[in-house]
Amino acid sequence: MQVYDLENLSSGVEVTITGRSDDFDVALELVTVNSGATSLFTSDLGVGASGTDEKITFTPQAGATYQLR
């Protein structure tokens, strides 16, 4: 599993992250580091991108740090 730290994001500005693969089904998890809570999770929910791809759209909160897993 890859983990990406998302720091210094502009609060109140919508962010979209897309994971793409031709080889496997992508799952994305966005965790708010400050609380340890999973903010969003996608895996074949029918609301992300098509096929094996997934996407998360969120609006960062002021002072929050996120991890994408």
Protein backbone atom coordinates (compact mmCIF):
# COMPACT_ATOMS: atom_id res chain seq x y z
CA MET A 1 0.00 0.00 0.00
CA GLN A 2 1.29 3.43 -0.92
CA VAL A 3 0.81 6.30 1.54
CA TYR A 4 0.97 9.92 0.42
CA ASP A 5 1.05 12.85 2.86
CA LEU A 6 -1.15 15.75 1.75
CA GLU A 7 -0.01 18.87 3.56
CA ASN A 8 -0.50 22.61 3.12
CA LEU A 9 -3.67 22.23 1.06
CA SER A 10 -5.71 25.40 0.62
CA SER A 11 -8.71 25.20 2.94
CA GLY A 12 -12.08 25.57 1.29
CA VAL A 13 -10.76 24.71 -2.20
CA GLU A 14 -12.13 21.46 -3.66
CA VAL A 15 -9.52 18.78 -4.44
CA THR A 16 -10.04 15.74 -6.69
CA ILE A 17 -7.66 12.76 -6.59
CA THR A 18 -7.95 10.01 -9.21
CA GLY A 19 -6.30 6.60 -9.00
CA ARG A 20 -5.97 4.73 -12.30
CA SER A 21 -4.80 1.25 -13.21
CA ASP A 22 -5.26 -1.17 -16.08
CA ASP A 23 -3.90 -4.01 -13.90
CA PHE A 24 -5.92 -3.91 -10.66
CA ASP A 25 -9.00 -2.41 -9.05
CA VAL A 26 -8.04 0.81 -7.29
CA ALA A 27 -9.20 1.59 -3.74
CA LEU A 28 -8.58 5.03 -2.23
CA GLU A 29 -8.75 5.98 1.45
CA LEU A 30 -8.43 9.55 2.69
CA VAL A 31 -7.47 9.83 6.38
CA THR A 32 -7.49 12.99 8.46
CA VAL A 33 -4.17 12.70 10.32
CA ASN A 34 -5.17 15.10 13.10
CA SER A 35 -7.98 12.76 14.24
CA GLY A 36 -6.93 9.45 12.67
CA ALA A 37 -10.41 9.12 11.19
CA THR A 38 -11.09 7.86 7.69
CA SER A 39 -12.69 10.79 5.88
CA LEU A 40 -13.50 9.02 2.61
CA PHE A 41 -13.10 5.54 1.14
CA THR A 42 -13.85 4.36 -2.40
CA SER A 43 -13.72 0.93 -3.97
CA ASP A 44 -16.25 0.03 -6.66
CA LEU A 45 -18.93 2.20 -5.14
CA GLY A 46 -20.20 3.30 -8.51
CA VAL A 47 -19.55 6.93 -7.61
CA GLY A 48 -15.90 7.16 -8.59
CA ALA A 49 -14.28 6.90 -11.98
CA SER A 50 -15.05 4.05 -14.38
CA GLY A 51 -13.72 0.47 -14.65
CA THR A 52 -10.83 -0.16 -12.29
CA ASP A 53 -10.33 3.57 -11.61
CA GLU A 54 -11.54 5.48 -8.54
CA LYS A 55 -11.63 9.12 -7.47
CA ILE A 56 -12.13 11.10 -4.29
CA THR A 57 -13.31 14.70 -4.21
CA PHE A 58 -13.11 16.62 -0.95
CA THR A 59 -12.72 20.11 0.49
CA PRO A 60 -9.79 20.40 2.95
CA GLN A 61 -10.46 21.97 6.34
CA ALA A 62 -8.22 24.67 7.79
CA GLY A 63 -5.28 23.26 9.77
CA ALA A 64 -5.95 19.63 8.75
CA THR A 65 -3.33 17.26 7.39
CA TYR A 66 -4.42 14.29 5.26
CA GLN A 67 -3.00 11.00 4.10
CA LEU A 68 -4.06 9.25 0.92
CA ARG A 69 -3.76 5.49 1.11
